[in-house]
Amino acid sequence: MAAKKKPAKRIRRSVARKETTALDMHAIALNEWYQSLRRAGFSVEIALGLMDNKNSMPDWLIPQTADTDITPFHDDDEDED
């Protein structure tokens, strides 16, 4: 009888990060909110519909960050109609 071949070990690789970005925090919060809506009994369609509307998201779900003043770039050379 031939010797059994050992199964190959699965190598797990991860990206090492030093800090969590605001985008990471937002994605994590959305994922947690979706999972909690599904656990509460909402269908997939209703859960995604609630997540689509920003006003239905609780303010305390995502930590508040400092608001930055975003002003659009005005190009003087651009023709205005």
PDB file of N, CA and C in Angstrom:
ATOM      1  N   MET A   1       0.845  -1.164   0.000  1.00  0.00           N
ATOM      2  CA  MET A   1       0.000   0.000   0.000  1.00  0.00           C
ATOM      3  C   MET A   1       0.900   1.240   0.000  1.00  0.00           C
ATOM      4  N   ALA A   2       0.533   2.209  -0.831  1.00  0.00           N
ATOM      5  CA  ALA A   2       1.326   3.425  -0.960  1.00  0.00           C
ATOM      6  C   ALA A   2       1.061   4.351   0.226  1.00  0.00           C
ATOM      7  N   ALA A   3       2.080   5.104   0.578  1.00  0.00           N
ATOM      8  CA  ALA A   3       1.940   6.050   1.685  1.00  0.00           C
ATOM      9  C   ALA A   3       1.008   7.187   1.275  1.00  0.00           C
ATOM     10  N   LYS A   4       0.190   7.627   2.230  1.00  0.00           N
ATOM     11  CA  LYS A   4      -0.743   8.713   1.946  1.00  0.00           C
ATOM     12  C   LYS A   4       0.009  10.026   1.844  1.00  0.00           C
ATOM     13  N   LYS A   5      -0.430  10.830   0.889  1.00  0.00           N
ATOM     14  CA  LYS A   5       0.185  12.126   0.684  1.00  0.00           C
ATOM     15  C   LYS A   5      -0.361  13.107   1.707  1.00  0.00           C
ATOM     16  N   LYS A   6       0.520  13.862   2.330  1.00  0.00           N
ATOM     17  CA  LYS A   6       0.090  14.847   3.316  1.00  0.00           C
ATOM     18  C   LYS A   6      -0.583  16.011   2.599  1.00  0.00           C
ATOM     19  N   PRO A   7      -1.706  16.503   3.158  1.00  0.00           N
ATOM     20  CA  PRO A   7      -2.349  17.663   2.529  1.00  0.00           C
ATOM     21  C   PRO A   7      -1.478  18.906   2.670  1.00  0.00           C
ATOM     22  N   ALA A   8      -1.507  19.718   1.644  1.00  0.00           N
ATOM     23  CA  ALA A   8      -0.704  20.945   1.663  1.00  0.00           C
ATOM     24  C   ALA A   8      -1.269  21.907   2.692  1.00  0.00           C
ATOM     25  N   LYS A   9      -0.399  22.547   3.435  1.00  0.00           N
ATOM     26  CA  LYS A   9      -0.837  23.511   4.430  1.00  0.00           C
ATOM     27  C   LYS A   9      -1.216  24.803   3.730  1.00  0.00           C
ATOM     28  N   ARG A  10      -2.295  25.380   4.196  1.00  0.00           N
ATOM     29  CA  ARG A  10      -2.763  26.638   3.635  1.00  0.00           C
ATOM     30  C   ARG A  10      -2.002  27.780   4.297  1.00  0.00           C
ATOM     31  N   ILE A  11      -1.407  28.606   3.479  1.00  0.00           N
ATOM     32  CA  ILE A  11      -0.645  29.739   3.989  1.00  0.00           C
ATOM     33  C   ILE A  11      -1.553  30.951   3.992  1.00  0.00           C
ATOM     34  N   ARG A  12      -1.714  31.555   5.144  1.00  0.00           N
ATOM     35  CA  ARG A  12      -2.527  32.761   5.253  1.00  0.00           C
ATOM     36  C   ARG A  12      -1.619  33.970   5.234  1.00  0.00           C
ATOM     37  N   ARG A  13      -1.928  34.855   4.326  1.00  0.00           N
ATOM     38  CA  ARG A  13      -1.143  36.072   4.217  1.00  0.00           C
ATOM     39  C   ARG A  13      -2.047  37.249   4.526  1.00  0.00           C
ATOM     40  N   SER A  14      -1.519  38.207   5.202  1.00  0.00           N
ATOM     41  CA  SER A  14      -2.277  39.410   5.508  1.00  0.00           C
ATOM     42  C   SER A  14      -1.398  40.625   5.269  1.00  0.00           C
ATOM     43  N   VAL A  15      -2.065  41.706   5.020  1.00  0.00           N
ATOM     44  CA  VAL A  15      -1.356  42.953   4.800  1.00  0.00           C
ATOM     45  C   VAL A  15      -1.196  43.637   6.147  1.00  0.00           C
ATOM     46  N   ALA A  16       0.027  43.945   6.503  1.00  0.00           N
ATOM     47  CA  ALA A  16       0.283  44.607   7.781  1.00  0.00           C
ATOM     48  C   ALA A  16       0.039  46.103   7.626  1.00  0.00           C
ATOM     49  N   ARG A  17      -0.836  46.618   8.462  1.00  0.00           N
ATOM     50  CA  ARG A  17      -1.113  48.054   8.458  1.00  0.00           C
ATOM     51  C   ARG A  17      -0.860  48.604   9.847  1.00  0.00           C
ATOM     52  N   LYS A  18      -0.464  49.845   9.865  1.00  0.00           N
ATOM     53  CA  LYS A  18      -0.203  50.474  11.148  1.00  0.00           C
ATOM     54  C   LYS A  18      -1.430  51.176  11.695  1.00  0.00           C
ATOM     55  N   GLU A  19      -2.301  51.662  10.809  1.00  0.00           N
ATOM     56  CA  GLU A  19      -3.474  52.393  11.277  1.00  0.00           C
ATOM     57  C   GLU A  19      -4.669  52.076  10.398  1.00  0.00           C
ATOM     58  N   THR A  20      -5.829  52.278  10.944  1.00  0.00           N
ATOM     59  CA  THR A  20      -7.062  52.070  10.213  1.00  0.00           C
ATOM     60  C   THR A  20      -7.511  53.404   9.635  1.00  0.00           C
ATOM     61  N   THR A  21      -7.802  53.399   8.344  1.00  0.00           N
ATOM     62  CA  THR A  21      -8.198  54.641   7.692  1.00  0.00           C
ATOM     63  C   THR A  21      -9.690  54.891   7.903  1.00  0.00           C
ATOM     64  N   ALA A  22     -10.130  56.080   7.553  1.00  0.00           N
ATOM     65  CA  ALA A  22     -11.546  56.429   7.671  1.00  0.00           C
ATOM     66  C   ALA A  22     -12.387  55.572   6.740  1.00  0.00           C
ATOM     67  N   LEU A  23     -11.855  55.239   5.575  1.00  0.00           N
ATOM     68  CA  LEU A  23     -12.585  54.377   4.642  1.00  0.00           C
ATOM     69  C   LEU A  23     -12.745  52.975   5.216  1.00  0.00           C
ATOM     70  N   ASP A  24     -11.707  52.476   5.877  1.00  0.00           N
ATOM     71  CA  ASP A  24     -11.796  51.173   6.535  1.00  0.00           C
ATOM     72  C   ASP A  24     -12.877  51.191   7.618  1.00  0.00           C
ATOM     73  N   MET A  25     -12.900  52.242   8.414  1.00  0.00           N
ATOM     74  CA  MET A  25     -13.895  52.360   9.481  1.00  0.00           C
ATOM     75  C   MET A  25     -15.314  52.396   8.912  1.00  0.00           C
ATOM     76  N   HIS A  26     -15.488  53.107   7.808  1.00  0.00           N
ATOM     77  CA  HIS A  26     -16.804  53.203   7.185  1.00  0.00           C
ATOM     78  C   HIS A  26     -17.249  51.848   6.645  1.00  0.00           C
ATOM     79  N   ALA A  27     -16.344  51.133   5.988  1.00  0.00           N
ATOM     80  CA  ALA A  27     -16.674  49.818   5.444  1.00  0.00           C
ATOM     81  C   ALA A  27     -17.005  48.826   6.560  1.00  0.00           C
ATOM     82  N   ILE A  28     -16.271  48.881   7.636  1.00  0.00           N
ATOM     83  CA  ILE A  28     -16.534  47.990   8.774  1.00  0.00           C
ATOM     84  C   ILE A  28     -17.888  48.306   9.388  1.00  0.00           C
ATOM     85  N   ALA A  29     -18.197  49.592   9.530  1.00  0.00           N
ATOM     86  CA  ALA A  29     -19.482  49.985  10.106  1.00  0.00           C
ATOM     87  C   ALA A  29     -20.645  49.554   9.226  1.00  0.00           C
ATOM     88  N   LEU A  30     -20.508  49.692   7.915  1.00  0.00           N
ATOM     89  CA  LEU A  30     -21.571  49.254   7.008  1.00  0.00           C
ATOM     90  C   LEU A  30     -21.767  47.739   7.076  1.00  0.00           C
ATOM     91  N   ASN A  31     -20.674  47.010   7.146  1.00  0.00           N
ATOM     92  CA  ASN A  31     -20.769  45.555   7.238  1.00  0.00           C
ATOM     93  C   ASN A  31     -21.454  45.138   8.536  1.00  0.00           C
ATOM     94  N   GLU A  32     -21.079  45.752   9.641  1.00  0.00           N
ATOM     95  CA  GLU A  32     -21.701  45.431  10.925  1.00  0.00           C
ATOM     96  C   GLU A  32     -23.182  45.789  10.925  1.00  0.00           C
ATOM     97  N   TRP A  33     -23.522  46.915  10.314  1.00  0.00           N
ATOM     98  CA  TRP A  33     -24.919  47.337  10.264  1.00  0.00           C
ATOM     99  C   TRP A  33     -25.747  46.365   9.432  1.00  0.00           C
ATOM    100  N   TYR A  34     -25.205  45.936   8.281  1.00  0.00           N
ATOM    101  CA  TYR A  34     -25.909  44.970   7.436  1.00  0.00           C
ATOM    102  C   TYR A  34     -26.127  43.660   8.184  1.00  0.00           C
ATOM    103  N   GLN A  35     -25.096  43.175   8.837  1.00  0.00           N
ATOM    104  CA  GLN A  35     -25.226  41.909   9.566  1.00  0.00           C
ATOM    105  C   GLN A  35     -26.242  42.018  10.700  1.00  0.00           C
ATOM    106  N   SER A  36     -26.290  43.158  11.384  1.00  0.00           N
ATOM    107  CA  SER A  36     -27.254  43.320  12.472  1.00  0.00           C
ATOM    108  C   SER A  36     -28.677  43.419  11.921  1.00  0.00           C
ATOM    109  N   LEU A  37     -28.861  44.064  10.773  1.00  0.00           N
ATOM    110  CA  LEU A  37     -30.189  44.110  10.154  1.00  0.00           C
ATOM    111  C   LEU A  37     -30.650  42.721   9.745  1.00  0.00           C
ATOM    112  N   ARG A  38     -29.756  41.920   9.209  1.00  0.00           N
ATOM    113  CA  ARG A  38     -30.121  40.548   8.813  1.00  0.00           C
ATOM    114  C   ARG A  38     -30.443  39.704  10.044  1.00  0.00           C
ATOM    115  N   ARG A  39     -29.676  39.863  11.127  1.00  0.00           N
ATOM    116  CA  ARG A  39     -29.964  39.106  12.356  1.00  0.00           C
ATOM    117  C   ARG A  39     -31.295  39.511  12.953  1.00  0.00           C
ATOM    118  N   ALA A  40     -31.684  40.775  12.731  1.00  0.00           N
ATOM    119  CA  ALA A  40     -32.949  41.275  13.271  1.00  0.00           C
ATOM    120  C   ALA A  40     -34.138  40.786  12.450  1.00  0.00           C
ATOM    121  N   GLY A  41     -33.880  40.125  11.337  1.00  0.00           N
ATOM    122  CA  GLY A  41     -34.972  39.548  10.565  1.00  0.00           C
ATOM    123  C   GLY A  41     -35.331  40.295   9.295  1.00  0.00           C
ATOM    124  N   PHE A  42     -34.595  41.318   8.959  1.00  0.00           N
ATOM    125  CA  PHE A  42     -34.875  42.045   7.725  1.00  0.00           C
ATOM    126  C   PHE A  42     -34.433  41.214   6.526  1.00  0.00           C
ATOM    127  N   SER A  43     -35.184  41.309   5.425  1.00  0.00           N
ATOM    128  CA  SER A  43     -34.783  40.612   4.201  1.00  0.00           C
ATOM    129  C   SER A  43     -33.588  41.341   3.594  1.00  0.00           C
ATOM    130  N   VAL A  44     -32.959  40.693   2.630  1.00  0.00           N
ATOM    131  CA  VAL A  44     -31.795  41.288   1.981  1.00  0.00           C
ATOM    132  C   VAL A  44     -32.185  42.600   1.311  1.00  0.00           C
ATOM    133  N   GLU A  45     -33.338  42.613   0.646  1.00  0.00           N
ATOM    134  CA  GLU A  45     -33.771  43.805  -0.074  1.00  0.00           C
ATOM    135  C   GLU A  45     -34.032  44.975   0.873  1.00  0.00           C
ATOM    136  N   ILE A  46     -34.700  44.707   1.983  1.00  0.00           N
ATOM    137  CA  ILE A  46     -35.000  45.767   2.945  1.00  0.00           C
ATOM    138  C   ILE A  46     -33.716  46.259   3.611  1.00  0.00           C
ATOM    139  N   ALA A  47     -32.820  45.342   3.966  1.00  0.00           N
ATOM    140  CA  ALA A  47     -31.560  45.734   4.609  1.00  0.00           C
ATOM    141  C   ALA A  47     -30.736  46.616   3.681  1.00  0.00           C
ATOM    142  N   LEU A  48     -30.642  46.239   2.408  1.00  0.00           N
ATOM    143  CA  LEU A  48     -29.880  47.053   1.461  1.00  0.00           C
ATOM    144  C   LEU A  48     -30.583  48.376   1.197  1.00  0.00           C
ATOM    145  N   GLY A  49     -31.922  48.368   1.204  1.00  0.00           N
ATOM    146  CA  GLY A  49     -32.666  49.614   1.029  1.00  0.00           C
ATOM    147  C   GLY A  49     -32.439  50.576   2.179  1.00  0.00           C
ATOM    148  N   LEU A  50     -32.395  50.060   3.398  1.00  0.00           N
ATOM    149  CA  LEU A  50     -32.104  50.911   4.551  1.00  0.00           C
ATOM    150  C   LEU A  50     -30.681  51.467   4.493  1.00  0.00           C
ATOM    151  N   MET A  51     -29.757  50.643   4.025  1.00  0.00           N
ATOM    152  CA  MET A  51     -28.369  51.081   3.955  1.00  0.00           C
ATOM    153  C   MET A  51     -28.156  52.097   2.843  1.00  0.00           C
ATOM    154  N   ASP A  52     -29.012  52.072   1.836  1.00  0.00           N
ATOM    155  CA  ASP A  52     -28.868  52.987   0.709  1.00  0.00           C
ATOM    156  C   ASP A  52     -29.218  54.422   1.095  1.00  0.00           C
ATOM    157  N   ASN A  53     -30.085  54.577   2.066  1.00  0.00           N
ATOM    158  CA  ASN A  53     -30.516  55.903   2.504  1.00  0.00           C
ATOM    159  C   ASN A  53     -29.634  56.347   3.669  1.00  0.00           C
ATOM    160  N   LYS A  54     -28.870  57.416   3.483  1.00  0.00           N
ATOM    161  CA  LYS A  54     -27.955  57.879   4.534  1.00  0.00           C
ATOM    162  C   LYS A  54     -28.704  58.367   5.773  1.00  0.00           C
ATOM    163  N   ASN A  55     -29.927  58.864   5.594  1.00  0.00           N
ATOM    164  CA  ASN A  55     -30.670  59.389   6.735  1.00  0.00           C
ATOM    165  C   ASN A  55     -31.128  58.284   7.686  1.00  0.00           C
ATOM    166  N   SER A  56     -31.182  57.053   7.219  1.00  0.00           N
ATOM    167  CA  SER A  56     -31.619  55.970   8.093  1.00  0.00           C
ATOM    168  C   SER A  56     -30.475  55.414   8.943  1.00  0.00           C
ATOM    169  N   MET A  57     -29.254  55.812   8.656  1.00  0.00           N
ATOM    170  CA  MET A  57     -28.105  55.327   9.419  1.00  0.00           C
ATOM    171  C   MET A  57     -27.974  56.115  10.715  1.00  0.00           C
ATOM    172  N   PRO A  58     -27.842  55.435  11.839  1.00  0.00           N
ATOM    173  CA  PRO A  58     -27.691  56.146  13.114  1.00  0.00           C
ATOM    174  C   PRO A  58     -26.404  56.975  13.141  1.00  0.00           C
ATOM    175  N   ASP A  59     -26.483  58.131  13.772  1.00  0.00           N
ATOM    176  CA  ASP A  59     -25.318  59.020  13.842  1.00  0.00           C
ATOM    177  C   ASP A  59     -24.186  58.411  14.673  1.00  0.00           C
ATOM    178  N   TRP A  60     -24.526  57.607  15.655  1.00  0.00           N
ATOM    179  CA  TRP A  60     -23.515  57.065  16.554  1.00  0.00           C
ATOM    180  C   TRP A  60     -22.795  55.856  15.959  1.00  0.00           C
ATOM    181  N   LEU A  61     -23.236  55.380  14.792  1.00  0.00           N
ATOM    182  CA  LEU A  61     -22.634  54.176  14.212  1.00  0.00           C
ATOM    183  C   LEU A  61     -21.214  54.425  13.723  1.00  0.00           C
ATOM    184  N   ILE A  62     -21.000  55.548  13.085  1.00  0.00           N
ATOM    185  CA  ILE A  62     -19.673  55.881  12.570  1.00  0.00           C
ATOM    186  C   ILE A  62     -19.121  57.044  13.384  1.00  0.00           C
ATOM    187  N   PRO A  63     -17.910  56.922  13.901  1.00  0.00           N
ATOM    188  CA  PRO A  63     -17.338  58.008  14.694  1.00  0.00           C
ATOM    189  C   PRO A  63     -17.212  59.279  13.848  1.00  0.00           C
ATOM    190  N   GLN A  64     -17.473  60.391  14.481  1.00  0.00           N
ATOM    191  CA  GLN A  64     -17.403  61.669  13.786  1.00  0.00           C
ATOM    192  C   GLN A  64     -15.945  62.070  13.607  1.00  0.00           C
ATOM    193  N   THR A  65     -15.628  62.553  12.424  1.00  0.00           N
ATOM    194  CA  THR A  65     -14.293  63.032  12.141  1.00  0.00           C
ATOM    195  C   THR A  65     -14.360  64.535  11.920  1.00  0.00           C
ATOM    196  N   ALA A  66     -13.229  65.154  11.952  1.00  0.00           N
ATOM    197  CA  ALA A  66     -13.183  66.600  11.744  1.00  0.00           C
ATOM    198  C   ALA A  66     -13.612  66.912  10.312  1.00  0.00           C
ATOM    199  N   ASP A  67     -14.568  67.806  10.170  1.00  0.00           N
ATOM    200  CA  ASP A  67     -15.031  68.197   8.845  1.00  0.00           C
ATOM    201  C   ASP A  67     -13.985  69.094   8.196  1.00  0.00           C
ATOM    202  N   THR A  68     -13.711  68.801   6.961  1.00  0.00           N
ATOM    203  CA  THR A  68     -12.772  69.625   6.222  1.00  0.00           C
ATOM    204  C   THR A  68     -13.542  70.457   5.222  1.00  0.00           C
ATOM    205  N   ASP A  69     -13.065  71.627   4.973  1.00  0.00           N
ATOM    206  CA  ASP A  69     -13.709  72.519   4.020  1.00  0.00           C
ATOM    207  C   ASP A  69     -13.273  72.112   2.618  1.00  0.00           C
ATOM    208  N   ILE A  70     -14.201  71.558   1.858  1.00  0.00           N
ATOM    209  CA  ILE A  70     -13.906  71.130   0.500  1.00  0.00           C
ATOM    210  C   ILE A  70     -14.505  72.160  -0.448  1.00  0.00           C
ATOM    211  N   THR A  71     -13.630  72.854  -1.160  1.00  0.00           N
ATOM    212  CA  THR A  71     -14.086  73.845  -2.119  1.00  0.00           C
ATOM    213  C   THR A  71     -13.703  73.382  -3.512  1.00  0.00           C
ATOM    214  N   PRO A  72     -14.612  73.483  -4.464  1.00  0.00           N
ATOM    215  CA  PRO A  72     -14.283  73.028  -5.812  1.00  0.00           C
ATOM    216  C   PRO A  72     -13.249  73.940  -6.462  1.00  0.00           C
ATOM    217  N   PHE A  73     -12.480  73.366  -7.333  1.00  0.00           N
ATOM    218  CA  PHE A  73     -11.459  74.110  -8.042  1.00  0.00           C
ATOM    219  C   PHE A  73     -12.127  74.936  -9.133  1.00  0.00           C
ATOM    220  N   HIS A  74     -11.888  76.226  -9.141  1.00  0.00           N
ATOM    221  CA  HIS A  74     -12.447  77.095 -10.165  1.00  0.00           C
ATOM    222  C   HIS A  74     -11.352  77.466 -11.145  1.00  0.00           C
ATOM    223  N   ASP A  75     -11.552  77.069 -12.397  1.00  0.00           N
ATOM    224  CA  ASP A  75     -10.581  77.337 -13.432  1.00  0.00           C
ATOM    225  C   ASP A  75     -10.988  78.602 -14.168  1.00  0.00           C
ATOM    226  N   ASP A  76     -10.158  79.637 -14.109  1.00  0.00           N
ATOM    227  CA  ASP A  76     -10.465  80.900 -14.775  1.00  0.00           C
ATOM    228  C   ASP A  76     -10.424  80.776 -16.289  1.00  0.00           C
ATOM    229  N   ASP A  77      -9.653  79.821 -16.782  1.00  0.00           N
ATOM    230  CA  ASP A  77      -9.516  79.662 -18.234  1.00  0.00           C
ATOM    231  C   ASP A  77     -10.686  78.909 -18.855  1.00  0.00           C
ATOM    232  N   GLU A  78     -11.483  78.270 -18.043  1.00  0.00           N
ATOM    233  CA  GLU A  78     -12.583  77.465 -18.570  1.00  0.00           C
ATOM    234  C   GLU A  78     -13.695  78.386 -19.092  1.00  0.00           C
ATOM    235  N   ASP A  79     -14.203  78.051 -20.251  1.00  0.00           N
ATOM    236  CA  ASP A  79     -15.293  78.844 -20.836  1.00  0.00           C
ATOM    237  C   ASP A  79     -16.580  78.587 -20.097  1.00  0.00           C
ATOM    238  N   GLU A  80     -17.287  79.641 -19.800  1.00  0.00           N
ATOM    239  CA  GLU A  80     -18.579  79.507 -19.145  1.00  0.00           C
ATOM    240  C   GLU A  80     -19.659  79.752 -20.181  1.00  0.00           C
ATOM    241  N   ASP A  81     -20.687  78.928 -20.153  1.00  0.00           N
ATOM    242  CA  ASP A  81     -21.782  79.079 -21.104  1.00  0.00           C
ATOM    243  C   ASP A  81     -22.880  79.942 -20.559  1.00  0.00           C
TER     244      ASP A  81
END
